[in-house]
Protein backbone atom coordinates (compact mmCIF):
# COMPACT_ATOMS: atom_id res chain seq x y z
CA UNK A 1 0.02 -0.02 0.03
CA UNK A 2 1.40 3.41 -1.00
CA UNK A 3 1.56 6.20 1.63
CA UNK A 4 -1.06 8.27 -0.23
CA UNK A 5 -3.50 5.23 0.00
CA UNK A 6 -2.74 4.86 3.59
CA UNK A 7 -3.39 8.63 4.33
CA UNK A 8 -6.61 8.31 2.50
CA UNK A 9 -7.81 5.28 4.33
CA UNK A 10 -6.92 6.85 7.71
CA UNK A 11 -8.52 10.11 6.77
CA UNK A 12 -11.86 8.19 5.68
CA UNK A 13 -11.80 6.27 9.01
CA UNK A 14 -11.28 9.44 11.05
CA UNK A 15 -14.04 11.25 9.03
CA UNK A 16 -16.49 8.49 9.66
CA UNK A 17 -15.51 8.10 13.35
CA UNK A 18 -16.48 11.82 13.78
CA UNK A 19 -19.80 11.17 12.18
CA UNK A 20 -18.99 13.79 9.43
CA UNK A 21 -19.93 13.46 5.69
CA UNK A 22 -17.31 14.56 3.12
CA UNK A 23 -19.23 17.80 2.25
CA UNK A 24 -19.17 18.98 5.88
CA UNK A 25 -15.78 17.88 6.55
CA UNK A 26 -14.43 19.58 3.39
CA UNK A 27 -16.17 22.91 4.47
CA UNK A 28 -14.76 22.62 8.02
CA UNK A 29 -11.16 21.99 6.55
CA UNK A 30 -11.41 24.73 3.95
CA UNK A 31 -10.91 22.34 1.00
CA UNK A 32 -13.22 21.06 -1.83
CA UNK A 33 -15.22 17.90 -1.40
CA UNK A 34 -13.55 16.78 -4.70
CA UNK A 35 -10.04 17.18 -3.16
CA UNK A 36 -11.25 15.05 -0.10
CA UNK A 37 -12.35 12.33 -2.56
CA UNK A 38 -9.17 12.28 -4.39
CA UNK A 39 -7.19 12.08 -1.14
CA UNK A 40 -9.43 9.08 -0.02
CA UNK A 41 -9.12 7.36 -3.39
CA UNK A 42 -5.36 7.71 -3.22
CA UNK A 43 -5.26 9.96 -6.20
CA UNK A 44 -3.31 12.62 -4.45
CA UNK A 45 0.44 11.84 -4.49
CA UNK A 46 1.57 14.54 -2.03
CA UNK A 47 -0.08 16.87 0.52
CA UNK A 48 1.60 19.98 1.80
CA UNK A 49 2.08 20.30 5.49
CA UNK A 50 -0.16 23.33 5.55
CA UNK A 51 -2.96 21.31 3.94
CA UNK A 52 -2.52 18.36 6.23
CA UNK A 53 -2.80 20.70 9.16
CA UNK A 54 -6.05 22.04 7.69
CA UNK A 55 -7.31 18.41 7.27
CA UNK A 56 -6.62 17.31 10.73
CA UNK A 57 -8.04 20.35 12.50
CA UNK A 58 -11.85 19.28 12.19
CA UNK A 59 -10.80 15.92 13.41
CA UNK A 60 -9.46 17.38 16.60
CA UNK A 61 -6.03 15.77 15.87
CA UNK A 62 -2.55 17.11 15.58
CA UNK A 63 -0.53 16.26 12.44
CA UNK A 64 1.71 13.96 14.62
CA UNK A 65 -1.34 12.21 16.09
CA UNK A 66 -2.75 11.64 12.50
CA UNK A 67 0.60 10.38 11.28
CA UNK A 68 0.73 7.99 14.19
CA UNK A 69 -2.68 6.65 13.13
CA UNK A 70 -1.23 6.05 9.73
CA UNK A 71 1.72 4.22 11.22
CA UNK A 72 -0.51 1.99 13.32
CA UNK A 73 -2.50 1.10 10.25
CA UNK A 74 0.59 0.41 8.21
CA UNK A 75 1.75 -1.94 11.10
CA UNK A 76 -1.63 -3.73 11.06
CA UNK A 77 -1.41 -4.28 7.39
CA UNK A 78 2.10 -5.56 7.30
CA UNK A 79 1.79 -7.67 10.46
CA UNK A 80 -0.05 -10.64 8.88
CA UNK A 81 2.60 -10.64 6.15
CA UNK A 82 5.51 -11.28 8.44
CA UNK A 83 6.44 -14.89 8.93
CA UNK A 84 8.14 -16.06 12.07
CA UNK A 85 10.92 -18.65 11.65
């Protein structure tokens, strides 16, 4: 899984956990709903730090907390692939 897909998955999970729809979330974050959809679908290859700060604010997360959630998800996805000898 690419990092852009991982960020999209975690963003989608966090939006849902807050009970927000994409339109409301986009308005709160100050971006378009189309941009949110592109992030969630893994179509955005890079996100500026300023934009990431705007995205996590309505989720009541810091950038560090959001990236920690991404790291946790990455670990959960990779763990089943590891084989112990």
